[in-house]
C-alpha cells in the first residue's frame, strides 16, 4: 500500500518536531502521535521519518534505530484502517501556515530531480483553502 505523506495531521507533527532540540523529546513527540493516531498509514509515515531523520544525527542514530525497532515490534497495534484528519477546517490558521511555510522551503534534490506532484497538490490545496478564508 502506497502511503501519501501529505496528510495535514502528520505534516503538522513533522513540522513541530523539527523545532524540538532534544533528540529523545523529538522522537517521543512523534511516537506519541503514532500511539494516539494508530493508523497503519501513520506507522509507515513515522517509520520513514525515523529512518530519514536519523541521517541528520550522526552521533545519535541509535536512538532513531531503537525507536524503529520498537514500532516494528508493535506494528500490529497500528492497524486502524483509514487516516488521520486531513480537513483543513479542523486546524488553526496558525498551524496551517506553519506547515505551508515549511513545505515551501522544502528541498527534494537529495531524493528526486523535481518536486513531487503530491507535494505540489498538497501545497495548492492549502493555498486554495487559505485564499477562501480571506
N, C-alpha and C. Protein backbone atom coordinates (compact mmCIF):
# COMPACT_ATOMS: atom_id res chain seq x y z
N UNK A 1 0.85 -1.18 0.00
CA UNK A 1 0.00 0.00 0.00
C UNK A 1 0.89 1.24 0.00
N UNK A 2 0.69 2.10 -0.99
CA UNK A 2 1.43 3.36 -1.05
C UNK A 2 0.80 4.34 -0.07
N UNK A 3 1.63 4.93 0.76
CA UNK A 3 1.14 5.87 1.76
C UNK A 3 1.61 7.27 1.38
N UNK A 4 0.67 8.17 1.25
CA UNK A 4 0.97 9.56 0.93
C UNK A 4 1.32 10.29 2.22
N UNK A 5 2.49 10.92 2.23
CA UNK A 5 2.90 11.62 3.46
C UNK A 5 2.25 12.99 3.60
N UNK A 6 1.51 13.41 2.59
CA UNK A 6 0.91 14.74 2.63
C UNK A 6 -0.48 14.69 3.25
N UNK A 7 -0.46 14.51 4.55
CA UNK A 7 -1.65 14.49 5.39
C UNK A 7 -1.44 15.61 6.41
N UNK A 8 -2.44 16.45 6.61
CA UNK A 8 -2.27 17.63 7.46
C UNK A 8 -1.87 17.28 8.89
N UNK A 9 -2.50 16.28 9.46
CA UNK A 9 -2.15 15.90 10.84
C UNK A 9 -0.68 15.50 10.92
N UNK A 10 -0.25 14.66 10.00
CA UNK A 10 1.14 14.22 10.01
C UNK A 10 2.10 15.38 9.72
N UNK A 11 1.78 16.19 8.74
CA UNK A 11 2.68 17.30 8.38
C UNK A 11 2.84 18.27 9.54
N UNK A 12 1.78 18.47 10.30
CA UNK A 12 1.88 19.36 11.47
C UNK A 12 2.80 18.76 12.52
N UNK A 13 2.66 17.48 12.79
CA UNK A 13 3.54 16.82 13.76
C UNK A 13 4.99 16.87 13.28
N UNK A 14 5.21 16.52 12.03
CA UNK A 14 6.56 16.52 11.46
C UNK A 14 7.19 17.91 11.56
N UNK A 15 6.41 18.92 11.24
CA UNK A 15 6.92 20.29 11.26
C UNK A 15 7.23 20.74 12.69
N UNK A 16 6.35 20.45 13.61
CA UNK A 16 6.59 20.84 15.01
C UNK A 16 7.76 20.07 15.61
N UNK A 17 7.96 18.83 15.19
CA UNK A 17 9.08 18.03 15.71
C UNK A 17 10.42 18.65 15.32
N UNK A 18 10.46 19.34 14.21
CA UNK A 18 11.72 19.97 13.78
C UNK A 18 12.23 20.98 14.79
N UNK A 19 11.32 21.62 15.51
CA UNK A 19 11.70 22.65 16.47
C UNK A 19 12.14 22.10 17.83
N UNK A 20 11.97 20.81 18.03
CA UNK A 20 12.36 20.19 19.30
C UNK A 20 13.84 19.83 19.21
N UNK A 21 14.63 20.42 20.08
CA UNK A 21 16.09 20.24 20.00
C UNK A 21 16.56 18.92 20.57
N UNK A 22 16.00 18.50 21.69
CA UNK A 22 16.43 17.26 22.33
C UNK A 22 15.94 16.06 21.50
N UNK A 23 16.87 15.20 21.12
CA UNK A 23 16.53 14.08 20.23
C UNK A 23 15.52 13.14 20.87
N UNK A 24 15.68 12.82 22.14
CA UNK A 24 14.71 11.93 22.79
C UNK A 24 13.32 12.54 22.82
N UNK A 25 13.24 13.83 23.11
CA UNK A 25 11.93 14.51 23.11
C UNK A 25 11.33 14.54 21.71
N UNK A 26 12.16 14.77 20.71
CA UNK A 26 11.72 14.81 19.32
C UNK A 26 11.11 13.45 18.93
N UNK A 27 11.83 12.39 19.24
CA UNK A 27 11.34 11.05 18.92
C UNK A 27 10.07 10.74 19.70
N UNK A 28 10.06 11.07 20.99
CA UNK A 28 8.86 10.83 21.81
C UNK A 28 7.65 11.57 21.27
N UNK A 29 7.85 12.79 20.84
CA UNK A 29 6.76 13.59 20.29
C UNK A 29 6.12 12.89 19.08
N UNK A 30 6.96 12.40 18.20
CA UNK A 30 6.46 11.72 17.00
C UNK A 30 5.83 10.38 17.36
N UNK A 31 6.45 9.64 18.28
CA UNK A 31 5.88 8.35 18.69
C UNK A 31 4.55 8.53 19.41
N UNK A 32 4.40 9.60 20.17
CA UNK A 32 3.12 9.87 20.83
C UNK A 32 2.01 10.11 19.80
N UNK A 33 2.36 10.78 18.72
CA UNK A 33 1.40 10.96 17.63
C UNK A 33 0.97 9.59 17.09
N UNK A 34 1.94 8.72 16.85
CA UNK A 34 1.63 7.40 16.32
C UNK A 34 0.74 6.62 17.29
N UNK A 35 1.04 6.70 18.56
CA UNK A 35 0.24 5.97 19.55
C UNK A 35 -1.20 6.51 19.61
N UNK A 36 -1.34 7.82 19.49
CA UNK A 36 -2.68 8.40 19.57
C UNK A 36 -3.45 8.29 18.26
N UNK A 37 -2.73 8.19 17.17
CA UNK A 37 -3.34 8.10 15.83
C UNK A 37 -2.85 6.80 15.18
N UNK A 38 -3.25 5.67 15.75
CA UNK A 38 -2.70 4.37 15.40
C UNK A 38 -3.11 3.80 14.06
N UNK A 39 -3.16 4.63 13.07
CA UNK A 39 -3.45 4.17 11.71
C UNK A 39 -2.20 3.54 11.11
N UNK A 40 -2.40 2.53 10.29
CA UNK A 40 -1.27 1.90 9.62
C UNK A 40 -0.50 2.94 8.80
N UNK A 41 -1.21 3.85 8.15
CA UNK A 41 -0.54 4.87 7.34
C UNK A 41 0.41 5.71 8.18
N UNK A 42 0.04 5.99 9.43
CA UNK A 42 0.92 6.76 10.30
C UNK A 42 2.14 5.94 10.72
N UNK A 43 1.95 4.64 10.89
CA UNK A 43 3.10 3.77 11.17
C UNK A 43 4.13 3.92 10.04
N UNK A 44 3.67 3.86 8.80
CA UNK A 44 4.57 3.99 7.65
C UNK A 44 5.22 5.37 7.64
N UNK A 45 4.44 6.40 7.88
CA UNK A 45 4.99 7.76 7.89
C UNK A 45 6.04 7.94 8.97
N UNK A 46 5.72 7.50 10.18
CA UNK A 46 6.64 7.67 11.31
C UNK A 46 7.90 6.85 11.10
N UNK A 47 7.76 5.64 10.62
CA UNK A 47 8.94 4.81 10.40
C UNK A 47 9.85 5.45 9.36
N UNK A 48 9.26 5.95 8.30
CA UNK A 48 10.05 6.63 7.26
C UNK A 48 10.73 7.87 7.84
N UNK A 49 10.00 8.63 8.65
CA UNK A 49 10.57 9.82 9.28
C UNK A 49 11.75 9.44 10.16
N UNK A 50 11.60 8.41 10.98
CA UNK A 50 12.69 7.96 11.85
C UNK A 50 13.91 7.57 11.02
N UNK A 51 13.66 6.83 9.96
CA UNK A 51 14.75 6.36 9.10
C UNK A 51 15.51 7.51 8.43
N UNK A 52 14.77 8.47 7.90
CA UNK A 52 15.43 9.57 7.19
C UNK A 52 15.99 10.62 8.15
N UNK A 53 15.31 10.88 9.24
CA UNK A 53 15.77 11.91 10.17
C UNK A 53 17.04 11.49 10.88
N UNK A 54 17.21 10.22 11.12
CA UNK A 54 18.41 9.77 11.82
C UNK A 54 19.68 10.10 11.05
N UNK A 55 19.59 10.29 9.75
CA UNK A 55 20.76 10.63 8.95
C UNK A 55 21.35 11.97 9.36
N UNK A 56 20.53 12.85 9.89
CA UNK A 56 20.99 14.17 10.30
C UNK A 56 21.62 14.16 11.69
N UNK A 57 21.55 13.04 12.37
CA UNK A 57 22.03 12.94 13.76
C UNK A 57 23.09 11.85 13.88
N UNK A 58 24.25 12.14 13.33
CA UNK A 58 25.33 11.15 13.24
C UNK A 58 25.64 10.49 14.58
N UNK A 59 25.69 11.26 15.66
CA UNK A 59 26.06 10.71 16.96
C UNK A 59 24.89 10.14 17.75
N UNK A 60 23.68 10.26 17.21
CA UNK A 60 22.50 9.80 17.95
C UNK A 60 21.61 8.88 17.11
N UNK A 61 22.17 8.28 16.11
CA UNK A 61 21.39 7.43 15.21
C UNK A 61 20.79 6.22 15.91
N UNK A 62 21.47 5.74 16.93
CA UNK A 62 20.97 4.55 17.64
C UNK A 62 19.60 4.82 18.28
N UNK A 63 19.36 6.05 18.71
CA UNK A 63 18.06 6.37 19.31
C UNK A 63 16.94 6.23 18.27
N UNK A 64 17.22 6.64 17.06
CA UNK A 64 16.23 6.51 15.99
C UNK A 64 16.04 5.04 15.62
N UNK A 65 17.15 4.31 15.55
CA UNK A 65 17.07 2.88 15.24
C UNK A 65 16.28 2.14 16.31
N UNK A 66 16.52 2.47 17.57
CA UNK A 66 15.77 1.84 18.67
C UNK A 66 14.27 2.13 18.55
N UNK A 67 13.94 3.35 18.19
CA UNK A 67 12.53 3.72 18.02
C UNK A 67 11.91 2.95 16.85
N UNK A 68 12.67 2.78 15.77
CA UNK A 68 12.16 2.00 14.64
C UNK A 68 11.93 0.55 15.06
N UNK A 69 12.88 -0.01 15.80
CA UNK A 69 12.72 -1.39 16.27
C UNK A 69 11.50 -1.52 17.17
N UNK A 70 11.29 -0.53 18.03
CA UNK A 70 10.15 -0.54 18.94
C UNK A 70 8.83 -0.55 18.17
N UNK A 71 8.69 0.35 17.22
CA UNK A 71 7.41 0.39 16.49
C UNK A 71 7.25 -0.82 15.57
N UNK A 72 8.37 -1.37 15.11
CA UNK A 72 8.28 -2.60 14.31
C UNK A 72 7.74 -3.74 15.17
N UNK A 73 8.18 -3.80 16.41
CA UNK A 73 7.69 -4.84 17.34
C UNK A 73 6.20 -4.64 17.65
N UNK A 74 5.76 -3.40 17.64
CA UNK A 74 4.37 -3.06 17.96
C UNK A 74 3.52 -2.86 16.71
N UNK A 75 4.04 -3.19 15.57
CA UNK A 75 3.39 -2.90 14.29
C UNK A 75 1.92 -3.33 14.25
N UNK A 76 1.60 -4.47 14.84
CA UNK A 76 0.22 -4.96 14.82
C UNK A 76 -0.74 -4.05 15.56
N UNK A 77 -0.22 -3.21 16.47
CA UNK A 77 -1.08 -2.29 17.20
C UNK A 77 -1.53 -1.11 16.33
N UNK A 78 -0.79 -0.86 15.27
CA UNK A 78 -1.09 0.27 14.39
C UNK A 78 -1.83 -0.24 13.17
N UNK A 79 -3.02 -0.75 13.43
CA UNK A 79 -3.76 -1.44 12.38
C UNK A 79 -5.06 -0.76 12.01
N UNK A 80 -5.28 0.44 12.53
CA UNK A 80 -6.52 1.13 12.20
C UNK A 80 -6.54 1.45 10.70
N UNK A 81 -7.67 1.17 10.09
CA UNK A 81 -7.86 1.48 8.68
C UNK A 81 -8.30 2.93 8.58
N UNK A 82 -7.92 3.59 7.54
CA UNK A 82 -8.27 5.00 7.37
C UNK A 82 -7.05 5.86 7.54
N UNK A 83 -7.28 7.08 7.99
CA UNK A 83 -6.17 8.02 8.10
C UNK A 83 -6.51 9.11 9.11
N UNK A 84 -5.48 9.82 9.53
CA UNK A 84 -5.65 10.95 10.44
C UNK A 84 -6.35 12.09 9.72
N UNK A 85 -6.83 13.03 10.50
CA UNK A 85 -7.58 14.17 9.98
C UNK A 85 -6.78 14.93 8.93
N UNK A 86 -7.42 15.18 7.81
CA UNK A 86 -6.77 15.93 6.74
C UNK A 86 -7.65 17.11 6.30
N UNK A 87 -8.65 17.42 7.12
CA UNK A 87 -9.58 18.50 6.81
C UNK A 87 -9.03 19.81 7.39
N UNK A 88 -8.66 20.72 6.51
CA UNK A 88 -8.05 21.98 6.95
C UNK A 88 -8.95 22.76 7.91
N UNK A 89 -10.26 22.57 7.82
CA UNK A 89 -11.19 23.27 8.71
C UNK A 89 -10.94 22.92 10.18
N UNK A 90 -10.31 21.79 10.43
CA UNK A 90 -10.11 21.33 11.80
C UNK A 90 -8.77 21.75 12.40
N UNK A 91 -8.06 22.62 11.70
CA UNK A 91 -6.75 23.09 12.17
C UNK A 91 -6.77 24.61 12.27
N UNK A 92 -5.95 25.13 13.17
CA UNK A 92 -5.88 26.59 13.28
C UNK A 92 -5.15 27.16 12.07
N UNK A 93 -5.46 28.38 11.77
CA UNK A 93 -4.78 29.05 10.66
C UNK A 93 -3.27 29.11 10.94
N UNK A 94 -2.92 29.32 12.18
CA UNK A 94 -1.50 29.38 12.57
C UNK A 94 -0.80 28.06 12.24
N UNK A 95 -1.44 26.94 12.56
CA UNK A 95 -0.84 25.63 12.26
C UNK A 95 -0.75 25.38 10.76
N UNK A 96 -1.78 25.77 10.04
CA UNK A 96 -1.77 25.59 8.58
C UNK A 96 -0.65 26.41 7.96
N UNK A 97 -0.49 27.65 8.42
CA UNK A 97 0.58 28.50 7.89
C UNK A 97 1.96 27.95 8.25
N UNK A 98 2.09 27.36 9.43
CA UNK A 98 3.35 26.75 9.85
C UNK A 98 3.75 25.63 8.89
N UNK A 99 2.80 24.78 8.57
CA UNK A 99 3.06 23.67 7.64
C UNK A 99 3.36 24.21 6.24
N UNK A 100 2.58 25.18 5.79
CA UNK A 100 2.79 25.74 4.46
C UNK A 100 4.18 26.35 4.33
N UNK A 101 4.59 27.12 5.32
CA UNK A 101 5.91 27.75 5.30
C UNK A 101 7.01 26.68 5.21
N UNK A 102 6.86 25.63 6.00
CA UNK A 102 7.85 24.55 5.98
C UNK A 102 7.89 23.86 4.61
N UNK A 103 6.74 23.58 4.05
CA UNK A 103 6.70 22.87 2.77
C UNK A 103 7.23 23.72 1.63
N UNK A 104 7.03 25.02 1.71
CA UNK A 104 7.51 25.90 0.64
C UNK A 104 9.03 25.98 0.59
N UNK A 105 9.68 25.76 1.72
CA UNK A 105 11.15 25.83 1.72
C UNK A 105 11.79 24.44 1.61
N UNK A 106 10.98 23.43 1.52
CA UNK A 106 11.48 22.05 1.49
C UNK A 106 12.20 21.76 0.17
N UNK A 107 13.30 21.05 0.27
CA UNK A 107 14.10 20.68 -0.90
C UNK A 107 14.03 19.17 -1.09
N UNK A 108 14.00 18.76 -2.34
CA UNK A 108 13.93 17.33 -2.66
C UNK A 108 15.13 16.88 -3.50
N UNK A 109 16.13 17.74 -3.66
CA UNK A 109 17.26 17.43 -4.52
C UNK A 109 17.95 16.12 -4.15
N UNK A 110 17.97 15.80 -2.87
CA UNK A 110 18.65 14.58 -2.43
C UNK A 110 17.87 13.32 -2.80
N UNK A 111 16.58 13.46 -3.11
CA UNK A 111 15.73 12.30 -3.41
C UNK A 111 15.27 12.26 -4.87
N UNK A 112 14.83 13.40 -5.36
CA UNK A 112 14.19 13.47 -6.68
C UNK A 112 14.81 14.59 -7.49
N UNK A 113 14.58 14.54 -8.80
CA UNK A 113 15.06 15.61 -9.67
C UNK A 113 14.14 16.82 -9.67
N UNK A 114 12.92 16.62 -9.19
CA UNK A 114 11.95 17.72 -9.16
C UNK A 114 11.03 17.52 -7.96
N UNK A 115 10.25 18.54 -7.67
CA UNK A 115 9.30 18.48 -6.55
C UNK A 115 8.21 17.47 -6.91
N UNK A 116 7.92 16.52 -6.00
CA UNK A 116 6.88 15.52 -6.28
C UNK A 116 5.49 16.15 -6.48
N UNK A 117 4.71 15.56 -7.36
CA UNK A 117 3.37 16.07 -7.65
C UNK A 117 2.49 16.09 -6.40
N UNK A 118 2.64 15.10 -5.51
CA UNK A 118 1.85 15.08 -4.28
C UNK A 118 2.13 16.31 -3.42
N UNK A 119 3.38 16.73 -3.39
CA UNK A 119 3.77 17.94 -2.65
C UNK A 119 3.08 19.16 -3.27
N UNK A 120 3.18 19.28 -4.57
CA UNK A 120 2.59 20.42 -5.28
C UNK A 120 1.08 20.47 -5.03
N UNK A 121 0.41 19.33 -5.14
CA UNK A 121 -1.05 19.27 -4.94
C UNK A 121 -1.43 19.65 -3.52
N UNK A 122 -0.66 19.17 -2.55
CA UNK A 122 -0.96 19.47 -1.15
C UNK A 122 -0.78 20.96 -0.86
N UNK A 123 0.30 21.54 -1.33
CA UNK A 123 0.55 22.97 -1.13
C UNK A 123 -0.55 23.80 -1.80
N UNK A 124 -0.93 23.42 -3.00
CA UNK A 124 -2.03 24.13 -3.69
C UNK A 124 -3.32 24.03 -2.89
N UNK A 125 -3.59 22.87 -2.34
CA UNK A 125 -4.79 22.68 -1.52
C UNK A 125 -4.79 23.61 -0.31
N UNK A 126 -3.64 23.73 0.34
CA UNK A 126 -3.53 24.63 1.49
C UNK A 126 -3.74 26.08 1.04
N UNK A 127 -3.08 26.46 -0.04
CA UNK A 127 -3.20 27.84 -0.54
C UNK A 127 -4.64 28.15 -0.95
N UNK A 128 -5.29 27.23 -1.61
CA UNK A 128 -6.70 27.43 -2.00
C UNK A 128 -7.58 27.59 -0.77
N UNK A 129 -7.34 26.77 0.24
CA UNK A 129 -8.11 26.86 1.48
C UNK A 129 -7.89 28.22 2.13
N UNK A 130 -6.66 28.65 2.22
CA UNK A 130 -6.36 29.94 2.87
C UNK A 130 -6.92 31.11 2.07
N UNK A 131 -6.91 31.01 0.76
CA UNK A 131 -7.46 32.08 -0.08
C UNK A 131 -8.97 32.19 0.08
N UNK A 132 -9.66 31.08 0.32
CA UNK A 132 -11.10 31.10 0.56
C UNK A 132 -11.42 31.73 1.91
N UNK A 133 -10.50 31.59 2.86
CA UNK A 133 -10.69 32.11 4.21
C UNK A 133 -10.60 33.63 4.26
N UNK A 134 -9.90 34.22 3.32
CA UNK A 134 -9.67 35.67 3.36
C UNK A 134 -10.86 36.47 2.93
